[in-house]
């Protein structure tokens, strides 16, 4: 009986955790292609910084989730989103750290304004 109750609690917690994840709608994006293409990469960056338009729905999605994902260590991310955010972080810290610092500053400011 105790074991059955334990199993039900685990199943219930799994359902709760699964509901709290970000949507996986854009998990298919090719982040390597975006990072390799300077024009495309800059477009996503400008979208995130809100200094340019978000020309794709996935750019807007990542703009809206990246701040929270980075500052919470991706607690609501799917496995693929964790991979995507890690690739973005690794690429920018190695190749354009000054732009990554801008991204982090924007994330902190955004979350402070929205009390997350």
PDB file of N, CA and C in Angstrom:
ATOM      1  N   UNK A   1       0.820  -1.203   0.000  1.00  0.00           N
ATOM      2  CA  UNK A   1       0.000   0.000   0.000  1.00  0.00           C
ATOM      3  C   UNK A   1       0.857   1.257   0.000  1.00  0.00           C
ATOM      4  N   UNK A   2       1.906   1.270   0.824  1.00  0.00           N
ATOM      5  CA  UNK A   2       2.795   2.428   0.874  1.00  0.00           C
ATOM      6  C   UNK A   2       3.502   2.595  -0.463  1.00  0.00           C
ATOM      7  N   UNK A   3       3.936   1.500  -1.060  1.00  0.00           N
ATOM      8  CA  UNK A   3       4.620   1.562  -2.347  1.00  0.00           C
ATOM      9  C   UNK A   3       3.691   2.118  -3.425  1.00  0.00           C
ATOM     10  N   UNK A   4       2.433   1.693  -3.426  1.00  0.00           N
ATOM     11  CA  UNK A   4       1.465   2.193  -4.404  1.00  0.00           C
ATOM     12  C   UNK A   4       1.234   3.692  -4.207  1.00  0.00           C
ATOM     13  N   UNK A   5       1.157   4.135  -2.978  1.00  0.00           N
ATOM     14  CA  UNK A   5       0.990   5.563  -2.694  1.00  0.00           C
ATOM     15  C   UNK A   5       2.201   6.339  -3.175  1.00  0.00           C
ATOM     16  N   UNK A   6       3.378   5.789  -2.957  1.00  0.00           N
ATOM     17  CA  UNK A   6       4.614   6.423  -3.392  1.00  0.00           C
ATOM     18  C   UNK A   6       4.615   6.585  -4.916  1.00  0.00           C
ATOM     19  N   UNK A   7       4.218   5.560  -5.618  1.00  0.00           N
ATOM     20  CA  UNK A   7       4.157   5.599  -7.080  1.00  0.00           C
ATOM     21  C   UNK A   7       3.172   6.671  -7.537  1.00  0.00           C
ATOM     22  N   UNK A   8       2.019   6.764  -6.901  1.00  0.00           N
ATOM     23  CA  UNK A   8       1.034   7.778  -7.269  1.00  0.00           C
ATOM     24  C   UNK A   8       1.568   9.184  -7.029  1.00  0.00           C
ATOM     25  N   UNK A   9       2.297   9.383  -5.957  1.00  0.00           N
ATOM     26  CA  UNK A   9       2.891  10.694  -5.676  1.00  0.00           C
ATOM     27  C   UNK A   9       3.914  11.036  -6.753  1.00  0.00           C
ATOM     28  N   UNK A  10       4.757  10.107  -7.110  1.00  0.00           N
ATOM     29  CA  UNK A  10       5.774  10.335  -8.152  1.00  0.00           C
ATOM     30  C   UNK A  10       5.104  10.660  -9.484  1.00  0.00           C
ATOM     31  N   UNK A  11       4.092   9.924  -9.858  1.00  0.00           N
ATOM     32  CA  UNK A  11       3.379  10.180 -11.114  1.00  0.00           C
ATOM     33  C   UNK A  11       2.739  11.564 -11.067  1.00  0.00           C
ATOM     34  N   UNK A  12       2.127  11.905  -9.932  1.00  0.00           N
ATOM     35  CA  UNK A  12       1.512  13.223  -9.787  1.00  0.00           C
ATOM     36  C   UNK A  12       2.523  14.341  -9.883  1.00  0.00           C
ATOM     37  N   UNK A  13       3.665  14.178  -9.243  1.00  0.00           N
ATOM     38  CA  UNK A  13       4.717  15.200  -9.315  1.00  0.00           C
ATOM     39  C   UNK A  13       5.275  15.319 -10.724  1.00  0.00           C
ATOM     40  N   UNK A  14       5.398  14.215 -11.413  1.00  0.00           N
ATOM     41  CA  UNK A  14       5.876  14.257 -12.796  1.00  0.00           C
ATOM     42  C   UNK A  14       4.926  15.054 -13.671  1.00  0.00           C
ATOM     43  N   UNK A  15       3.652  14.895 -13.459  1.00  0.00           N
ATOM     44  CA  UNK A  15       2.657  15.644 -14.243  1.00  0.00           C
ATOM     45  C   UNK A  15       2.750  17.127 -13.938  1.00  0.00           C
ATOM     46  N   UNK A  16       2.954  17.478 -12.679  1.00  0.00           N
ATOM     47  CA  UNK A  16       3.080  18.886 -12.299  1.00  0.00           C
ATOM     48  C   UNK A  16       4.321  19.490 -12.926  1.00  0.00           C
ATOM     49  N   UNK A  17       5.443  18.804 -12.835  1.00  0.00           N
ATOM     50  CA  UNK A  17       6.688  19.309 -13.405  1.00  0.00           C
ATOM     51  C   UNK A  17       6.558  19.460 -14.915  1.00  0.00           C
ATOM     52  N   UNK A  18       5.950  18.491 -15.579  1.00  0.00           N
ATOM     53  CA  UNK A  18       5.808  18.550 -17.031  1.00  0.00           C
ATOM     54  C   UNK A  18       4.965  19.754 -17.453  1.00  0.00           C
ATOM     55  N   UNK A  19       3.989  20.132 -16.666  1.00  0.00           N
ATOM     56  CA  UNK A  19       3.144  21.267 -17.004  1.00  0.00           C
ATOM     57  C   UNK A  19       3.883  22.589 -16.863  1.00  0.00           C
ATOM     58  N   UNK A  20       4.946  22.624 -16.107  1.00  0.00           N
ATOM     59  CA  UNK A  20       5.654  23.867 -15.861  1.00  0.00           C
ATOM     60  C   UNK A  20       6.769  24.133 -16.871  1.00  0.00           C
ATOM     61  N   UNK A  21       6.961  23.257 -17.825  1.00  0.00           N
ATOM     62  CA  UNK A  21       8.003  23.461 -18.826  1.00  0.00           C
ATOM     63  C   UNK A  21       7.548  24.464 -19.877  1.00  0.00           C
ATOM     64  N   UNK A  22       8.538  25.136 -20.481  1.00  0.00           N
ATOM     65  CA  UNK A  22       8.227  25.996 -21.623  1.00  0.00           C
ATOM     66  C   UNK A  22       7.721  25.116 -22.757  1.00  0.00           C
ATOM     67  N   UNK A  23       6.975  25.707 -23.657  1.00  0.00           N
ATOM     68  CA  UNK A  23       6.475  24.992 -24.821  1.00  0.00           C
ATOM     69  C   UNK A  23       7.650  24.445 -25.636  1.00  0.00           C
ATOM     70  N   UNK A  24       7.480  23.267 -26.186  1.00  0.00           N
ATOM     71  CA  UNK A  24       8.532  22.669 -27.018  1.00  0.00           C
ATOM     72  C   UNK A  24       8.323  22.966 -28.504  1.00  0.00           C
ATOM     73  N   UNK A  25       7.444  23.911 -28.789  1.00  0.00           N
ATOM     74  CA  UNK A  25       7.081  24.222 -30.174  1.00  0.00           C
ATOM     75  C   UNK A  25       8.284  24.562 -31.045  1.00  0.00           C
ATOM     76  N   UNK A  26       9.295  25.221 -30.475  1.00  0.00           N
ATOM     77  CA  UNK A  26      10.446  25.655 -31.272  1.00  0.00           C
ATOM     78  C   UNK A  26      11.720  24.864 -30.957  1.00  0.00           C
ATOM     79  N   UNK A  27      11.575  23.714 -30.356  1.00  0.00           N
ATOM     80  CA  UNK A  27      12.738  22.900 -30.019  1.00  0.00           C
ATOM     81  C   UNK A  27      13.484  22.389 -31.248  1.00  0.00           C
ATOM     82  N   UNK A  28      12.863  22.460 -32.403  1.00  0.00           N
ATOM     83  CA  UNK A  28      13.455  21.944 -33.645  1.00  0.00           C
ATOM     84  C   UNK A  28      14.449  22.910 -34.304  1.00  0.00           C
ATOM     85  N   UNK A  29      14.555  24.144 -33.818  1.00  0.00           N
ATOM     86  CA  UNK A  29      15.401  25.111 -34.529  1.00  0.00           C
ATOM     87  C   UNK A  29      16.850  24.637 -34.584  1.00  0.00           C
ATOM     88  N   UNK A  30      17.531  25.051 -35.631  1.00  0.00           N
ATOM     89  CA  UNK A  30      18.928  24.693 -35.816  1.00  0.00           C
ATOM     90  C   UNK A  30      19.786  25.839 -35.276  1.00  0.00           C
ATOM     91  N   UNK A  31      20.120  25.759 -34.004  1.00  0.00           N
ATOM     92  CA  UNK A  31      20.870  26.837 -33.359  1.00  0.00           C
ATOM     93  C   UNK A  31      22.273  26.976 -33.952  1.00  0.00           C
ATOM     94  N   UNK A  32      22.860  25.878 -34.418  1.00  0.00           N
ATOM     95  CA  UNK A  32      24.190  25.948 -35.031  1.00  0.00           C
ATOM     96  C   UNK A  32      24.155  26.798 -36.298  1.00  0.00           C
ATOM     97  N   UNK A  33      23.104  26.656 -37.075  1.00  0.00           N
ATOM     98  CA  UNK A  33      22.939  27.452 -38.301  1.00  0.00           C
ATOM     99  C   UNK A  33      22.798  28.936 -37.960  1.00  0.00           C
ATOM    100  N   UNK A  34      22.030  29.224 -36.938  1.00  0.00           N
ATOM    101  CA  UNK A  34      21.837  30.626 -36.524  1.00  0.00           C
ATOM    102  C   UNK A  34      23.153  31.226 -36.055  1.00  0.00           C
ATOM    103  N   UNK A  35      23.879  30.501 -35.219  1.00  0.00           N
ATOM    104  CA  UNK A  35      25.142  31.024 -34.688  1.00  0.00           C
ATOM    105  C   UNK A  35      26.210  31.172 -35.774  1.00  0.00           C
ATOM    106  N   UNK A  36      26.160  30.332 -36.793  1.00  0.00           N
ATOM    107  CA  UNK A  36      27.156  30.379 -37.863  1.00  0.00           C
ATOM    108  C   UNK A  36      26.906  31.496 -38.869  1.00  0.00           C
ATOM    109  N   UNK A  37      25.698  32.019 -38.910  1.00  0.00           N
ATOM    110  CA  UNK A  37      25.323  33.036 -39.883  1.00  0.00           C
ATOM    111  C   UNK A  37      25.266  34.391 -39.174  1.00  0.00           C
ATOM    112  N   UNK A  38      26.231  35.266 -39.440  1.00  0.00           N
ATOM    113  CA  UNK A  38      26.320  36.539 -38.705  1.00  0.00           C
ATOM    114  C   UNK A  38      25.069  37.406 -38.872  1.00  0.00           C
ATOM    115  N   UNK A  39      24.492  37.426 -40.058  1.00  0.00           N
ATOM    116  CA  UNK A  39      23.283  38.224 -40.286  1.00  0.00           C
ATOM    117  C   UNK A  39      22.114  37.691 -39.465  1.00  0.00           C
ATOM    118  N   UNK A  40      21.935  36.398 -39.508  1.00  0.00           N
ATOM    119  CA  UNK A  40      20.848  35.760 -38.755  1.00  0.00           C
ATOM    120  C   UNK A  40      21.074  35.878 -37.246  1.00  0.00           C
ATOM    121  N   UNK A  41      22.298  35.633 -36.824  1.00  0.00           N
ATOM    122  CA  UNK A  41      22.654  35.747 -35.400  1.00  0.00           C
ATOM    123  C   UNK A  41      22.384  37.156 -34.886  1.00  0.00           C
ATOM    124  N   UNK A  42      22.771  38.150 -35.661  1.00  0.00           N
ATOM    125  CA  UNK A  42      22.558  39.551 -35.261  1.00  0.00           C
ATOM    126  C   UNK A  42      21.067  39.883 -35.205  1.00  0.00           C
ATOM    127  N   UNK A  43      20.284  39.317 -36.114  1.00  0.00           N
ATOM    128  CA  UNK A  43      18.838  39.525 -36.111  1.00  0.00           C
ATOM    129  C   UNK A  43      18.216  38.999 -34.816  1.00  0.00           C
ATOM    130  N   UNK A  44      18.618  37.804 -34.408  1.00  0.00           N
ATOM    131  CA  UNK A  44      18.119  37.237 -33.150  1.00  0.00           C
ATOM    132  C   UNK A  44      18.570  38.081 -31.962  1.00  0.00           C
ATOM    133  N   UNK A  45      19.803  38.544 -31.988  1.00  0.00           N
ATOM    134  CA  UNK A  45      20.317  39.370 -30.896  1.00  0.00           C
ATOM    135  C   UNK A  45      19.541  40.678 -30.793  1.00  0.00           C
ATOM    136  N   UNK A  46      19.310  41.328 -31.913  1.00  0.00           N
ATOM    137  CA  UNK A  46      18.567  42.588 -31.902  1.00  0.00           C
ATOM    138  C   UNK A  46      17.133  42.378 -31.420  1.00  0.00           C
ATOM    139  N   UNK A  47      16.538  41.266 -31.784  1.00  0.00           N
ATOM    140  CA  UNK A  47      15.209  40.920 -31.283  1.00  0.00           C
ATOM    141  C   UNK A  47      15.260  40.791 -29.768  1.00  0.00           C
ATOM    142  N   UNK A  48      16.223  40.035 -29.270  1.00  0.00           N
ATOM    143  CA  UNK A  48      16.324  39.824 -27.828  1.00  0.00           C
ATOM    144  C   UNK A  48      16.540  41.135 -27.073  1.00  0.00           C
ATOM    145  N   UNK A  49      17.391  41.978 -27.603  1.00  0.00           N
ATOM    146  CA  UNK A  49      17.696  43.244 -26.945  1.00  0.00           C
ATOM    147  C   UNK A  49      16.579  44.273 -27.134  1.00  0.00           C
ATOM    148  N   UNK A  50      15.592  43.906 -27.936  1.00  0.00           N
ATOM    149  CA  UNK A  50      14.461  44.785 -28.258  1.00  0.00           C
ATOM    150  C   UNK A  50      14.917  46.066 -28.970  1.00  0.00           C
ATOM    151  N   UNK A  51      15.976  45.918 -29.732  1.00  0.00           N
ATOM    152  CA  UNK A  51      16.457  47.046 -30.528  1.00  0.00           C
ATOM    153  C   UNK A  51      16.211  46.804 -32.015  1.00  0.00           C
ATOM    154  N   UNK A  52      15.507  45.733 -32.306  1.00  0.00           N
ATOM    155  CA  UNK A  52      15.131  45.405 -33.668  1.00  0.00           C
ATOM    156  C   UNK A  52      13.935  44.483 -33.631  1.00  0.00           C
ATOM    157  N   UNK A  53      13.294  44.261 -34.776  1.00  0.00           N
ATOM    158  CA  UNK A  53      12.101  43.412 -34.796  1.00  0.00           C
ATOM    159  C   UNK A  53      12.453  41.937 -34.620  1.00  0.00           C
ATOM    160  N   UNK A  54      11.498  41.192 -34.134  1.00  0.00           N
ATOM    161  CA  UNK A  54      11.615  39.732 -34.091  1.00  0.00           C
ATOM    162  C   UNK A  54      11.006  39.219 -35.386  1.00  0.00           C
ATOM    163  N   UNK A  55      11.854  38.818 -36.315  1.00  0.00           N
ATOM    164  CA  UNK A  55      11.368  38.476 -37.654  1.00  0.00           C
ATOM    165  C   UNK A  55      10.804  37.062 -37.747  1.00  0.00           C
ATOM    166  N   UNK A  56      11.011  36.254 -36.717  1.00  0.00           N
ATOM    167  CA  UNK A  56      10.436  34.910 -36.703  1.00  0.00           C
ATOM    168  C   UNK A  56       9.756  34.668 -35.366  1.00  0.00           C
ATOM    169  N   UNK A  57       8.804  33.756 -35.371  1.00  0.00           N
ATOM    170  CA  UNK A  57       8.095  33.427 -34.127  1.00  0.00           C
ATOM    171  C   UNK A  57       9.029  32.775 -33.113  1.00  0.00           C
ATOM    172  N   UNK A  58       9.987  31.969 -33.592  1.00  0.00           N
ATOM    173  CA  UNK A  58      10.903  31.337 -32.648  1.00  0.00           C
ATOM    174  C   UNK A  58      11.831  32.370 -32.005  1.00  0.00           C
ATOM    175  N   UNK A  59      12.213  33.402 -32.730  1.00  0.00           N
ATOM    176  CA  UNK A  59      13.045  34.460 -32.144  1.00  0.00           C
ATOM    177  C   UNK A  59      12.286  35.142 -31.014  1.00  0.00           C
ATOM    178  N   UNK A  60      11.020  35.426 -31.229  1.00  0.00           N
ATOM    179  CA  UNK A  60      10.193  36.051 -30.190  1.00  0.00           C
ATOM    180  C   UNK A  60      10.049  35.122 -28.989  1.00  0.00           C
ATOM    181  N   UNK A  61       9.827  33.836 -29.239  1.00  0.00           N
ATOM    182  CA  UNK A  61       9.697  32.863 -28.155  1.00  0.00           C
ATOM    183  C   UNK A  61      10.959  32.843 -27.292  1.00  0.00           C
ATOM    184  N   UNK A  62      12.124  32.750 -27.949  1.00  0.00           N
ATOM    185  CA  UNK A  62      13.366  32.695 -27.189  1.00  0.00           C
ATOM    186  C   UNK A  62      13.658  34.031 -26.506  1.00  0.00           C
ATOM    187  N   UNK A  63      13.271  35.129 -27.133  1.00  0.00           N
ATOM    188  CA  UNK A  63      13.416  36.439 -26.485  1.00  0.00           C
ATOM    189  C   UNK A  63      12.621  36.461 -25.179  1.00  0.00           C
ATOM    190  N   UNK A  64      11.420  35.916 -25.237  1.00  0.00           N
ATOM    191  CA  UNK A  64      10.533  35.961 -24.080  1.00  0.00           C
ATOM    192  C   UNK A  64      10.893  34.960 -22.988  1.00  0.00           C
ATOM    193  N   UNK A  65      11.666  33.940 -23.310  1.00  0.00           N
ATOM    194  CA  UNK A  65      12.002  32.924 -22.305  1.00  0.00           C
ATOM    195  C   UNK A  65      13.458  32.938 -21.863  1.00  0.00           C
ATOM    196  N   UNK A  66      14.343  33.518 -22.653  1.00  0.00           N
ATOM    197  CA  UNK A  66      15.783  33.405 -22.380  1.00  0.00           C
ATOM    198  C   UNK A  66      16.186  33.998 -21.034  1.00  0.00           C
ATOM    199  N   UNK A  67      15.665  35.163 -20.699  1.00  0.00           N
ATOM    200  CA  UNK A  67      16.050  35.815 -19.446  1.00  0.00           C
ATOM    201  C   UNK A  67      15.765  34.921 -18.252  1.00  0.00           C
ATOM    202  N   UNK A  68      14.548  34.448 -18.181  1.00  0.00           N
ATOM    203  CA  UNK A  68      14.177  33.573 -17.063  1.00  0.00           C
ATOM    204  C   UNK A  68      14.967  32.270 -17.107  1.00  0.00           C
ATOM    205  N   UNK A  69      15.130  31.713 -18.300  1.00  0.00           N
ATOM    206  CA  UNK A  69      15.851  30.444 -18.434  1.00  0.00           C
ATOM    207  C   UNK A  69      17.292  30.562 -17.942  1.00  0.00           C
ATOM    208  N   UNK A  70      17.967  31.634 -18.335  1.00  0.00           N
ATOM    209  CA  UNK A  70      19.359  31.817 -17.928  1.00  0.00           C
ATOM    210  C   UNK A  70      19.470  32.028 -16.422  1.00  0.00           C
ATOM    211  N   UNK A  71      18.633  32.890 -15.901  1.00  0.00           N
ATOM    212  CA  UNK A  71      18.752  33.248 -14.489  1.00  0.00           C
ATOM    213  C   UNK A  71      18.211  32.187 -13.538  1.00  0.00           C
ATOM    214  N   UNK A  72      17.440  31.236 -14.049  1.00  0.00           N
ATOM    215  CA  UNK A  72      16.943  30.133 -13.210  1.00  0.00           C
ATOM    216  C   UNK A  72      17.638  28.818 -13.546  1.00  0.00           C
ATOM    217  N   UNK A  73      18.677  28.887 -14.338  1.00  0.00           N
ATOM    218  CA  UNK A  73      19.420  27.707 -14.788  1.00  0.00           C
ATOM    219  C   UNK A  73      18.508  26.709 -15.502  1.00  0.00           C
ATOM    220  N   UNK A  74      17.589  27.261 -16.271  1.00  0.00           N
ATOM    221  CA  UNK A  74      16.736  26.479 -17.176  1.00  0.00           C
ATOM    222  C   UNK A  74      15.809  25.485 -16.461  1.00  0.00           C
ATOM    223  N   UNK A  75      15.271  25.850 -15.329  1.00  0.00           N
ATOM    224  CA  UNK A  75      14.410  24.912 -14.606  1.00  0.00           C
ATOM    225  C   UNK A  75      13.138  24.566 -15.352  1.00  0.00           C
ATOM    226  N   UNK A  76      12.670  25.431 -16.253  1.00  0.00           N
ATOM    227  CA  UNK A  76      11.450  25.155 -17.021  1.00  0.00           C
ATOM    228  C   UNK A  76      11.754  24.693 -18.446  1.00  0.00           C
ATOM    229  N   UNK A  77      13.015  24.496 -18.758  1.00  0.00           N
ATOM    230  CA  UNK A  77      13.412  24.120 -20.118  1.00  0.00           C
ATOM    231  C   UNK A  77      13.199  22.642 -20.392  1.00  0.00           C
ATOM    232  N   UNK A  78      12.876  22.350 -21.643  1.00  0.00           N
ATOM    233  CA  UNK A  78      12.934  20.970 -22.104  1.00  0.00           C
ATOM    234  C   UNK A  78      14.414  20.625 -22.254  1.00  0.00           C
ATOM    235  N   UNK A  79      14.722  19.371 -22.440  1.00  0.00           N
ATOM    236  CA  UNK A  79      16.120  18.965 -22.622  1.00  0.00           C
ATOM    237  C   UNK A  79      16.726  19.679 -23.835  1.00  0.00           C
ATOM    238  N   UNK A  80      15.962  19.781 -24.897  1.00  0.00           N
ATOM    239  CA  UNK A  80      16.447  20.446 -26.119  1.00  0.00           C
ATOM    240  C   UNK A  80      16.689  21.934 -25.887  1.00  0.00           C
ATOM    241  N   UNK A  81      15.803  22.603 -25.149  1.00  0.00           N
ATOM    242  CA  UNK A  81      15.994  24.021 -24.856  1.00  0.00           C
ATOM    243  C   UNK A  81      17.242  24.242 -24.008  1.00  0.00           C
ATOM    244  N   UNK A  82      17.490  23.354 -23.076  1.00  0.00           N
ATOM    245  CA  UNK A  82      18.716  23.445 -22.277  1.00  0.00           C
ATOM    246  C   UNK A  82      19.927  23.365 -23.193  1.00  0.00           C
ATOM    247  N   UNK A  83      19.882  22.441 -24.142  1.00  0.00           N
ATOM    248  CA  UNK A  83      20.966  22.302 -25.114  1.00  0.00           C
ATOM    249  C   UNK A  83      21.127  23.576 -25.944  1.00  0.00           C
ATOM    250  N   UNK A  84      20.014  24.129 -26.424  1.00  0.00           N
ATOM    251  CA  UNK A  84      20.041  25.353 -27.235  1.00  0.00           C
ATOM    252  C   UNK A  84      20.622  26.510 -26.435  1.00  0.00           C
ATOM    253  N   UNK A  85      20.114  26.736 -25.222  1.00  0.00           N
ATOM    254  CA  UNK A  85      20.584  27.847 -24.413  1.00  0.00           C
ATOM    255  C   UNK A  85      22.057  27.678 -24.043  1.00  0.00           C
ATOM    256  N   UNK A  86      22.474  26.438 -23.785  1.00  0.00           N
ATOM    257  CA  UNK A  86      23.892  26.204 -23.485  1.00  0.00           C
ATOM    258  C   UNK A  86      24.777  26.508 -24.690  1.00  0.00           C
ATOM    259  N   UNK A  87      24.330  26.124 -25.888  1.00  0.00           N
ATOM    260  CA  UNK A  87      25.108  26.421 -27.097  1.00  0.00           C
ATOM    261  C   UNK A  87      25.215  27.928 -27.315  1.00  0.00           C
ATOM    262  N   UNK A  88      24.101  28.627 -27.117  1.00  0.00           N
ATOM    263  CA  UNK A  88      24.113  30.087 -27.274  1.00  0.00           C
ATOM    264  C   UNK A  88      25.074  30.712 -26.278  1.00  0.00           C
ATOM    265  N   UNK A  89      24.966  30.305 -25.025  1.00  0.00           N
ATOM    266  CA  UNK A  89      25.836  30.838 -23.972  1.00  0.00           C
ATOM    267  C   UNK A  89      27.296  30.547 -24.278  1.00  0.00           C
ATOM    268  N   UNK A  90      27.603  29.309 -24.622  1.00  0.00           N
ATOM    269  CA  UNK A  90      28.989  28.938 -24.935  1.00  0.00           C
ATOM    270  C   UNK A  90      29.530  29.747 -26.108  1.00  0.00           C
ATOM    271  N   UNK A  91      28.724  29.868 -27.169  1.00  0.00           N
ATOM    272  CA  UNK A  91      29.191  30.582 -28.358  1.00  0.00           C
ATOM    273  C   UNK A  91      29.484  32.045 -28.032  1.00  0.00           C
ATOM    274  N   UNK A  92      28.543  32.698 -27.383  1.00  0.00           N
ATOM    275  CA  UNK A  92      28.729  34.123 -27.093  1.00  0.00           C
ATOM    276  C   UNK A  92      29.847  34.372 -26.081  1.00  0.00           C
ATOM    277  N   UNK A  93      29.978  33.547 -25.074  1.00  0.00           N
ATOM    278  CA  UNK A  93      31.044  33.783 -24.097  1.00  0.00           C
ATOM    279  C   UNK A  93      32.423  33.580 -24.720  1.00  0.00           C
ATOM    280  N   UNK A  94      32.520  32.698 -25.704  1.00  0.00           N
ATOM    281  CA  UNK A  94      33.799  32.459 -26.372  1.00  0.00           C
ATOM    282  C   UNK A  94      34.076  33.449 -27.504  1.00  0.00           C
ATOM    283  N   UNK A  95      33.043  33.846 -28.245  1.00  0.00           N
ATOM    284  CA  UNK A  95      33.241  34.624 -29.462  1.00  0.00           C
ATOM    285  C   UNK A  95      32.893  36.101 -29.358  1.00  0.00           C
ATOM    286  N   UNK A  96      31.885  36.430 -28.590  1.00  0.00           N
ATOM    287  CA  UNK A  96      31.454  37.828 -28.460  1.00  0.00           C
ATOM    288  C   UNK A  96      31.016  38.098 -27.008  1.00  0.00           C
ATOM    289  N   UNK A  97      31.973  38.021 -26.073  1.00  0.00           N
ATOM    290  CA  UNK A  97      31.602  38.169 -24.660  1.00  0.00           C
ATOM    291  C   UNK A  97      30.965  39.516 -24.322  1.00  0.00           C
ATOM    292  N   UNK A  98      31.335  40.564 -25.043  1.00  0.00           N
ATOM    293  CA  UNK A  98      30.738  41.869 -24.758  1.00  0.00           C
ATOM    294  C   UNK A  98      29.247  41.867 -25.097  1.00  0.00           C
ATOM    295  N   UNK A  99      28.868  41.165 -26.150  1.00  0.00           N
ATOM    296  CA  UNK A  99      27.447  41.062 -26.495  1.00  0.00           C
ATOM    297  C   UNK A  99      26.717  40.164 -25.501  1.00  0.00           C
ATOM    298  N   UNK A 100      27.401  39.125 -25.033  1.00  0.00           N
ATOM    299  CA  UNK A 100      26.770  38.264 -24.033  1.00  0.00           C
ATOM    300  C   UNK A 100      26.532  39.046 -22.734  1.00  0.00           C
ATOM    301  N   UNK A 101      27.461  39.908 -22.374  1.00  0.00           N
ATOM    302  CA  UNK A 101      27.273  40.755 -21.196  1.00  0.00           C
ATOM    303  C   UNK A 101      26.052  41.660 -21.374  1.00  0.00           C
ATOM    304  N   UNK A 102      25.833  42.140 -22.588  1.00  0.00           N
ATOM    305  CA  UNK A 102      24.641  42.946 -22.876  1.00  0.00           C
ATOM    306  C   UNK A 102      23.368  42.108 -22.692  1.00  0.00           C
ATOM    307  N   UNK A 103      23.419  40.868 -23.137  1.00  0.00           N
ATOM    308  CA  UNK A 103      22.273  39.961 -23.016  1.00  0.00           C
ATOM    309  C   UNK A 103      21.956  39.715 -21.542  1.00  0.00           C
ATOM    310  N   UNK A 104      22.978  39.439 -20.756  1.00  0.00           N
ATOM    311  CA  UNK A 104      22.762  39.177 -19.329  1.00  0.00           C
ATOM    312  C   UNK A 104      22.242  40.429 -18.625  1.00  0.00           C
ATOM    313  N   UNK A 105      22.804  41.586 -18.945  1.00  0.00           N
ATOM    314  CA  UNK A 105      22.327  42.837 -18.344  1.00  0.00           C
ATOM    315  C   UNK A 105      20.856  43.059 -18.681  1.00  0.00           C
ATOM    316  N   UNK A 106      20.483  42.773 -19.921  1.00  0.00           N
ATOM    317  CA  UNK A 106      19.087  42.919 -20.345  1.00  0.00           C
ATOM    318  C   UNK A 106      18.205  41.926 -19.593  1.00  0.00           C
ATOM    319  N   UNK A 107      18.679  40.716 -19.399  1.00  0.00           N
ATOM    320  CA  UNK A 107      17.909  39.693 -18.677  1.00  0.00           C
ATOM    321  C   UNK A 107      17.657  40.125 -17.239  1.00  0.00           C
ATOM    322  N   UNK A 108      18.680  40.600 -16.585  1.00  0.00           N
ATOM    323  CA  UNK A 108      18.546  41.040 -15.196  1.00  0.00           C
ATOM    324  C   UNK A 108      17.575  42.212 -15.106  1.00  0.00           C
ATOM    325  N   UNK A 109      17.726  43.177 -16.005  1.00  0.00           N
ATOM    326  CA  UNK A 109      16.843  44.350 -16.014  1.00  0.00           C
ATOM    327  C   UNK A 109      15.391  43.932 -16.272  1.00  0.00           C
ATOM    328  N   UNK A 110      15.195  43.058 -17.246  1.00  0.00           N
ATOM    329  CA  UNK A 110      13.848  42.601 -17.588  1.00  0.00           C
ATOM    330  C   UNK A 110      13.196  41.897 -16.408  1.00  0.00           C
ATOM    331  N   UNK A 111      13.927  40.998 -15.765  1.00  0.00           N
ATOM    332  CA  UNK A 111      13.358  40.265 -14.646  1.00  0.00           C
ATOM    333  C   UNK A 111      13.109  41.168 -13.447  1.00  0.00           C
ATOM    334  N   UNK A 112      13.978  42.131 -13.217  1.00  0.00           N
ATOM    335  CA  UNK A 112      13.772  43.069 -12.116  1.00  0.00           C
ATOM    336  C   UNK A 112      12.501  43.890 -12.352  1.00  0.00           C
ATOM    337  N   UNK A 113      12.294  44.299 -13.583  1.00  0.00           N
ATOM    338  CA  UNK A 113      11.101  45.092 -13.920  1.00  0.00           C
ATOM    339  C   UNK A 113       9.824  44.272 -13.791  1.00  0.00           C
ATOM    340  N   UNK A 114       9.932  42.976 -14.038  1.00  0.00           N
ATOM    341  CA  UNK A 114       8.754  42.106 -14.009  1.00  0.00           C
ATOM    342  C   UNK A 114       8.649  41.292 -12.728  1.00  0.00           C
ATOM    343  N   UNK A 115       9.532  41.548 -11.781  1.00  0.00           N
ATOM    344  CA  UNK A 115       9.515  40.893 -10.467  1.00  0.00           C
ATOM    345  C   UNK A 115       9.471  39.377 -10.537  1.00  0.00           C
ATOM    346  N   UNK A 116      10.272  38.777 -11.402  1.00  0.00           N
ATOM    347  CA  UNK A 116      10.333  37.312 -11.491  1.00  0.00           C
ATOM    348  C   UNK A 116      11.268  36.790 -10.448  1.00  0.00           C
TER     349      UNK A 116
END
